[in-house]
Every structure is written in structure tokens, then in C-alpha cells.
N, C-alpha and C. Protein backbone atom coordinates (compact mmCIF):
# COMPACT_ATOMS: atom_id res chain seq x y z
N ALA A 1 -53.27 49.33 -47.78
CA ALA A 1 -52.55 47.95 -47.00
C ALA A 1 -51.43 47.37 -47.89
N LYS A 2 -50.35 47.06 -47.29
CA LYS A 2 -49.29 46.24 -48.22
C LYS A 2 -49.95 45.18 -48.95
N PRO A 3 -49.70 44.86 -50.02
CA PRO A 3 -48.62 45.39 -50.97
C PRO A 3 -49.22 46.36 -52.09
N ASP A 4 -50.45 46.97 -51.66
CA ASP A 4 -50.77 48.13 -52.42
C ASP A 4 -49.90 49.33 -52.30
N PRO A 5 -49.51 49.55 -53.61
CA PRO A 5 -48.34 50.58 -53.59
C PRO A 5 -48.93 52.03 -53.51
N GLY A 6 -50.12 52.26 -53.11
CA GLY A 6 -50.74 53.70 -53.01
C GLY A 6 -49.58 54.39 -51.72
N ALA A 7 -49.20 53.96 -50.80
CA ALA A 7 -48.36 54.56 -49.68
C ALA A 7 -47.06 55.08 -50.54
N LEU A 8 -46.29 54.32 -51.32
CA LEU A 8 -45.30 54.76 -51.88
C LEU A 8 -45.57 56.06 -52.88
N ALA A 9 -46.56 56.02 -53.42
CA ALA A 9 -47.14 57.02 -54.42
C ALA A 9 -47.33 58.24 -53.43
N ALA A 10 -47.95 58.12 -52.45
CA ALA A 10 -47.89 59.38 -51.37
C ALA A 10 -46.97 59.79 -50.93
N ILE A 11 -45.90 58.97 -50.64
CA ILE A 11 -44.60 59.41 -50.09
C ILE A 11 -43.87 60.09 -51.23
N ALA A 12 -43.79 59.56 -52.56
CA ALA A 12 -43.21 60.22 -53.64
C ALA A 12 -43.84 61.67 -53.95
N GLU A 13 -44.84 61.75 -53.84
CA GLU A 13 -45.58 63.07 -53.93
C GLU A 13 -45.21 63.94 -53.02
N THR A 14 -45.12 63.78 -51.71
CA THR A 14 -44.71 64.40 -50.59
C THR A 14 -43.36 65.03 -50.62
N TRP A 15 -42.39 64.23 -51.08
CA TRP A 15 -40.96 64.27 -51.47
C TRP A 15 -40.78 65.15 -52.75
N GLY A 16 -41.83 65.00 -53.57
CA GLY A 16 -41.54 65.86 -54.90
C GLY A 16 -40.62 64.82 -55.79
N LEU A 17 -41.04 63.81 -55.86
CA LEU A 17 -40.16 62.63 -56.71
C LEU A 17 -41.15 62.55 -57.72
N ASP A 18 -40.57 62.55 -59.00
CA ASP A 18 -41.20 62.07 -60.01
C ASP A 18 -41.02 60.78 -60.71
N ASP A 19 -39.93 60.16 -60.07
CA ASP A 19 -39.54 58.96 -60.74
C ASP A 19 -39.37 57.81 -59.70
N ALA A 20 -40.21 56.67 -59.81
CA ALA A 20 -40.37 55.81 -58.68
C ALA A 20 -39.00 55.08 -58.37
N ARG A 21 -38.17 55.23 -59.27
CA ARG A 21 -36.85 54.53 -59.03
C ARG A 21 -36.09 55.17 -58.00
N GLN A 22 -36.35 56.45 -57.79
CA GLN A 22 -35.61 57.30 -56.58
C GLN A 22 -36.06 56.66 -55.21
N LEU A 23 -37.17 55.96 -55.06
CA LEU A 23 -37.46 55.36 -53.92
C LEU A 23 -37.01 53.81 -53.75
N VAL A 24 -36.69 53.37 -52.59
CA VAL A 24 -36.38 52.09 -52.10
C VAL A 24 -37.29 51.44 -51.04
N MET A 25 -37.86 50.57 -51.37
CA MET A 25 -38.75 50.00 -50.29
C MET A 25 -38.02 48.95 -49.37
N VAL A 26 -37.63 49.29 -48.06
CA VAL A 26 -37.07 48.13 -47.31
C VAL A 26 -38.04 47.46 -46.47
N GLY A 27 -38.13 46.22 -46.33
CA GLY A 27 -38.85 45.26 -45.59
C GLY A 27 -38.49 43.79 -45.32
N ASP A 28 -39.12 43.06 -44.61
CA ASP A 28 -38.52 41.86 -44.32
C ASP A 28 -39.53 40.80 -44.78
N SER A 29 -40.38 41.38 -45.84
CA SER A 29 -41.48 40.18 -46.41
C SER A 29 -41.56 40.40 -47.66
N ILE A 30 -41.28 39.32 -48.55
CA ILE A 30 -41.13 39.06 -50.06
C ILE A 30 -42.66 39.32 -50.40
N SER A 31 -43.74 38.91 -49.87
CA SER A 31 -44.97 38.98 -50.51
C SER A 31 -45.70 40.42 -49.96
N ASN A 32 -45.24 41.21 -49.08
CA ASN A 32 -45.91 42.42 -48.81
C ASN A 32 -45.01 43.56 -49.33
N ASP A 33 -43.60 43.57 -48.49
CA ASP A 33 -42.60 44.74 -48.76
C ASP A 33 -42.08 44.65 -50.01
N VAL A 34 -41.66 43.50 -50.68
CA VAL A 34 -41.08 43.45 -51.97
C VAL A 34 -42.07 43.56 -53.03
N ALA A 35 -42.98 42.90 -52.84
CA ALA A 35 -43.92 43.27 -53.79
C ALA A 35 -44.65 44.64 -53.98
N MET A 36 -44.80 45.27 -52.83
CA MET A 36 -45.41 46.59 -52.83
C MET A 36 -44.27 47.51 -53.70
N GLY A 37 -43.12 47.49 -53.30
CA GLY A 37 -41.84 48.30 -54.01
C GLY A 37 -41.91 47.72 -55.42
N LYS A 38 -42.08 46.65 -55.80
CA LYS A 38 -41.92 46.25 -57.17
C LYS A 38 -43.26 46.66 -58.09
N ALA A 39 -44.56 46.55 -57.38
CA ALA A 39 -45.67 46.83 -58.09
C ALA A 39 -45.50 48.63 -58.32
N TYR A 40 -44.83 49.26 -57.47
CA TYR A 40 -44.84 50.76 -57.48
C TYR A 40 -43.82 51.25 -58.60
N GLY A 41 -42.82 50.38 -58.82
CA GLY A 41 -41.59 50.49 -59.55
C GLY A 41 -40.55 50.97 -58.92
N ALA A 42 -40.52 50.90 -57.42
CA ALA A 42 -39.19 51.34 -56.61
C ALA A 42 -38.27 50.10 -56.39
N GLY A 43 -37.26 50.57 -56.00
CA GLY A 43 -36.06 49.54 -55.80
C GLY A 43 -36.57 48.83 -54.58
N THR A 44 -36.10 47.71 -54.40
CA THR A 44 -36.35 46.88 -53.13
C THR A 44 -35.35 46.32 -52.46
N VAL A 45 -35.63 46.43 -51.14
CA VAL A 45 -34.21 45.52 -50.03
C VAL A 45 -34.91 44.72 -49.23
N LEU A 46 -34.69 43.44 -49.27
CA LEU A 46 -35.39 42.54 -48.44
C LEU A 46 -34.26 42.18 -47.27
N VAL A 47 -34.76 42.54 -46.11
CA VAL A 47 -33.94 42.21 -44.76
C VAL A 47 -34.32 40.80 -44.19
N THR A 48 -33.27 39.85 -44.21
CA THR A 48 -33.66 38.62 -43.95
C THR A 48 -33.58 38.14 -42.62
N ASN A 49 -33.15 39.05 -41.51
CA ASN A 49 -32.87 38.63 -40.27
C ASN A 49 -34.24 38.36 -39.34
N ASN A 50 -35.26 38.05 -39.98
CA ASN A 50 -36.50 37.89 -39.31
C ASN A 50 -36.70 36.25 -39.25
N GLY A 51 -37.19 35.55 -38.51
CA GLY A 51 -37.44 34.25 -38.48
C GLY A 51 -36.08 33.47 -38.55
N GLY A 52 -36.60 32.04 -39.17
CA GLY A 52 -35.67 31.17 -39.21
C GLY A 52 -34.57 31.52 -40.09
N GLY A 53 -33.32 30.76 -40.31
CA GLY A 53 -32.45 30.94 -41.32
C GLY A 53 -31.39 31.49 -40.61
N GLY A 54 -31.12 32.31 -39.60
CA GLY A 54 -30.38 33.11 -38.91
C GLY A 54 -29.91 34.14 -40.12
N GLY A 55 -30.69 34.85 -40.87
CA GLY A 55 -30.60 35.95 -41.62
C GLY A 55 -29.67 35.54 -42.81
N ARG A 56 -29.49 34.43 -43.17
CA ARG A 56 -28.64 33.99 -44.67
C ARG A 56 -29.65 34.56 -45.67
N VAL A 57 -28.79 35.04 -46.79
CA VAL A 57 -29.55 35.37 -47.93
C VAL A 57 -29.23 34.29 -48.78
N ASP A 58 -30.24 33.57 -49.65
CA ASP A 58 -30.15 32.48 -50.39
C ASP A 58 -30.99 32.99 -51.66
N SER A 59 -31.10 32.02 -52.96
CA SER A 59 -31.89 32.28 -53.75
C SER A 59 -33.07 32.62 -53.71
N ARG A 60 -33.95 32.43 -52.67
CA ARG A 60 -35.24 32.71 -52.49
C ARG A 60 -35.50 34.20 -52.51
N HIS A 61 -34.42 34.97 -52.03
CA HIS A 61 -34.40 36.34 -52.00
C HIS A 61 -33.82 36.98 -53.13
N ASP A 62 -34.05 36.39 -54.35
CA ASP A 62 -33.78 37.03 -55.52
C ASP A 62 -34.79 37.88 -56.02
N ALA A 63 -35.97 37.92 -55.23
CA ALA A 63 -37.22 38.77 -55.90
C ALA A 63 -36.64 40.16 -55.44
N ALA A 64 -36.05 40.48 -54.64
CA ALA A 64 -35.39 41.84 -54.23
C ALA A 64 -34.45 42.18 -55.03
N ASP A 65 -34.35 43.66 -55.21
CA ASP A 65 -33.03 44.15 -56.13
C ASP A 65 -31.76 43.69 -55.16
N ILE A 66 -31.98 44.10 -53.90
CA ILE A 66 -30.90 43.71 -52.85
C ILE A 66 -31.58 42.96 -51.80
N ALA A 67 -30.76 41.90 -51.16
CA ALA A 67 -31.02 41.24 -49.97
C ALA A 67 -29.97 41.51 -48.89
N VAL A 68 -30.14 41.62 -47.72
CA VAL A 68 -29.23 41.81 -46.58
C VAL A 68 -29.77 41.12 -45.34
N ALA A 69 -28.67 40.55 -44.73
CA ALA A 69 -28.94 39.87 -43.60
C ALA A 69 -29.11 40.62 -42.27
N SER A 70 -28.82 41.91 -42.46
CA SER A 70 -28.97 43.02 -41.35
C SER A 70 -29.17 44.16 -41.67
N LEU A 71 -29.57 45.17 -41.09
CA LEU A 71 -29.64 46.48 -41.51
C LEU A 71 -28.41 47.25 -41.58
N LEU A 72 -27.65 46.60 -40.76
CA LEU A 72 -26.11 47.21 -40.77
C LEU A 72 -25.49 47.04 -42.27
N GLU A 73 -25.92 46.27 -42.95
CA GLU A 73 -25.30 46.12 -44.32
C GLU A 73 -26.02 46.99 -45.33
N LEU A 74 -27.01 47.74 -44.83
CA LEU A 74 -27.94 48.58 -45.97
C LEU A 74 -27.23 49.47 -46.48
N PRO A 75 -26.57 50.54 -45.58
CA PRO A 75 -25.98 51.67 -46.27
C PRO A 75 -24.73 51.17 -47.27
N ARG A 76 -23.89 50.21 -46.72
CA ARG A 76 -22.97 49.89 -47.74
C ARG A 76 -23.51 49.40 -49.29
N ARG A 77 -24.62 48.64 -49.07
CA ARG A 77 -25.27 48.10 -50.25
C ARG A 77 -25.66 49.14 -51.16
N LEU A 78 -26.69 50.00 -50.70
CA LEU A 78 -27.29 51.18 -51.20
C LEU A 78 -26.00 51.81 -52.07
N TRP A 79 -24.87 52.27 -51.35
CA TRP A 79 -24.02 52.76 -51.78
C TRP A 79 -23.21 52.18 -52.97
N GLU A 80 -23.22 50.80 -53.14
CA GLU A 80 -22.70 50.13 -54.18
C GLU A 80 -23.67 50.15 -55.40
N ARG A 81 -24.94 50.17 -55.06
CA ARG A 81 -26.02 49.77 -56.29
C ARG A 81 -26.62 51.04 -56.78
N TYR A 82 -26.32 52.26 -56.10
CA TYR A 82 -27.31 53.44 -56.49
C TYR A 82 -26.23 54.64 -56.41
N ALA A 83 -26.68 55.53 -57.33
CA ALA A 83 -25.97 56.73 -57.37
C ALA A 83 -26.36 57.57 -56.56
N ILE A 84 -25.78 58.18 -55.51
CA ILE A 84 -26.57 59.00 -54.50
C ILE A 84 -25.82 60.44 -54.39
N PRO A 85 -26.51 61.31 -54.73
CA PRO A 85 -25.88 62.87 -55.01
C PRO A 85 -25.72 63.38 -53.60
N GLY A 86 -24.96 64.36 -53.59
CA GLY A 86 -24.80 65.33 -52.30
C GLY A 86 -23.33 64.72 -51.67
N PRO A 87 -23.15 65.59 -50.66
CA PRO A 87 -22.16 65.65 -49.74
C PRO A 87 -21.42 64.30 -49.15
N LEU A 88 -22.69 63.54 -48.86
CA LEU A 88 -22.53 62.12 -48.41
C LEU A 88 -22.86 61.09 -49.41
N GLY A 89 -23.11 61.41 -50.65
CA GLY A 89 -23.30 60.58 -51.59
C GLY A 89 -21.90 59.92 -52.37
N ASN A 90 -22.18 59.51 -53.52
CA ASN A 90 -21.08 58.63 -54.20
C ASN A 90 -21.03 59.28 -55.64
N THR A 91 -19.90 58.93 -56.43
CA THR A 91 -20.02 59.46 -57.83
C THR A 91 -19.84 57.95 -58.78
N ALA A 92 -20.02 56.88 -57.97
CA ALA A 92 -19.88 55.71 -58.85
C ALA A 92 -20.87 55.56 -59.95
N ASP A 93 -20.60 54.71 -60.75
CA ASP A 93 -21.56 54.23 -61.72
C ASP A 93 -22.37 53.42 -61.03
N ALA A 94 -23.81 53.45 -61.08
CA ALA A 94 -24.84 52.70 -60.37
C ALA A 94 -25.71 51.96 -61.24
N PRO A 95 -25.53 50.49 -61.01
CA PRO A 95 -26.57 49.66 -61.98
C PRO A 95 -28.02 50.02 -61.60
N LEU A 96 -28.34 50.34 -60.40
CA LEU A 96 -29.79 50.40 -60.20
C LEU A 96 -30.40 51.84 -60.45
N GLY A 97 -29.65 52.82 -60.75
CA GLY A 97 -30.36 54.19 -60.70
C GLY A 97 -29.84 55.06 -59.93
N SER A 98 -30.48 55.98 -59.49
CA SER A 98 -30.28 57.24 -58.67
C SER A 98 -31.01 57.42 -57.42
N LEU A 99 -30.80 57.69 -56.30
CA LEU A 99 -31.63 57.81 -55.07
C LEU A 99 -31.75 59.40 -54.52
N LYS A 100 -32.66 59.69 -53.94
CA LYS A 100 -32.64 60.94 -53.38
C LYS A 100 -32.71 60.44 -51.64
N LEU A 101 -31.61 61.00 -50.89
CA LEU A 101 -31.89 60.57 -49.63
C LEU A 101 -32.81 61.06 -48.77
N ALA A 102 -33.58 60.31 -47.97
CA ALA A 102 -34.65 60.91 -47.24
C ALA A 102 -35.14 59.73 -46.33
N ALA A 103 -35.66 60.10 -45.39
CA ALA A 103 -36.49 58.96 -44.38
C ALA A 103 -38.01 59.12 -44.31
N ALA A 104 -38.52 58.10 -44.40
CA ALA A 104 -40.17 58.03 -44.27
C ALA A 104 -40.44 58.15 -42.80
N PRO A 105 -41.48 58.79 -42.50
CA PRO A 105 -41.87 58.85 -40.87
C PRO A 105 -42.23 57.49 -40.53
N VAL A 106 -42.01 56.98 -39.45
CA VAL A 106 -42.33 55.48 -39.12
C VAL A 106 -43.69 55.76 -38.23
């Protein structure tokens, strides 16, 4: 159960990843999703469009590596912050490391 990072370890093993920094935990809870990603050593994205506040990003969201008001912002923000290899990736210098693009089953 969140925020136990065991699920992220299982995903990394299934995908053949040996570096936690190749994963990003995306969620809407600082105490569960962001804490889980941080505990595993993965990048973290906080989606702020749940509950009150109209999805505004403010200083309370500094716990996450990236905070977005909407999932629509996520691809651009990942592109800006991570090196993403492959034909759909980028070649920019990336302050947060590199990612392997994949999606976890829901």
C-alpha cells in the first residue's frame, strides 16, 4: 500500500530497470504518491487538480520534483526536465536525469 515503495520496485524489475531515477511516480497526493516515489528514489510529479484551489501550483507542492495543475501539462514538463531517448524523445540537457518511456498497467 502507498506510500510503501515496493510496488515501484516491482515495476522497475518487470521493466528491467536498474536505476530508480528512470521511473517517475505521478499522483495527486503528497503524503502517498510523492512520498512513495521519494522513498524509492524515483522522480515525482504532483497533479494538483484534485480538491480545492482550482489546480493552482504553490509552495506547498515543492515536495515533488514537478507539480502540474493538469495532466495535459505533464508531457511538456517531462520533456523539459528529463532526457528521453528514442525517436519521440529529446536530446536536451536534463536536470533530473533520463527516463525510459513506458506505462504501468492501471
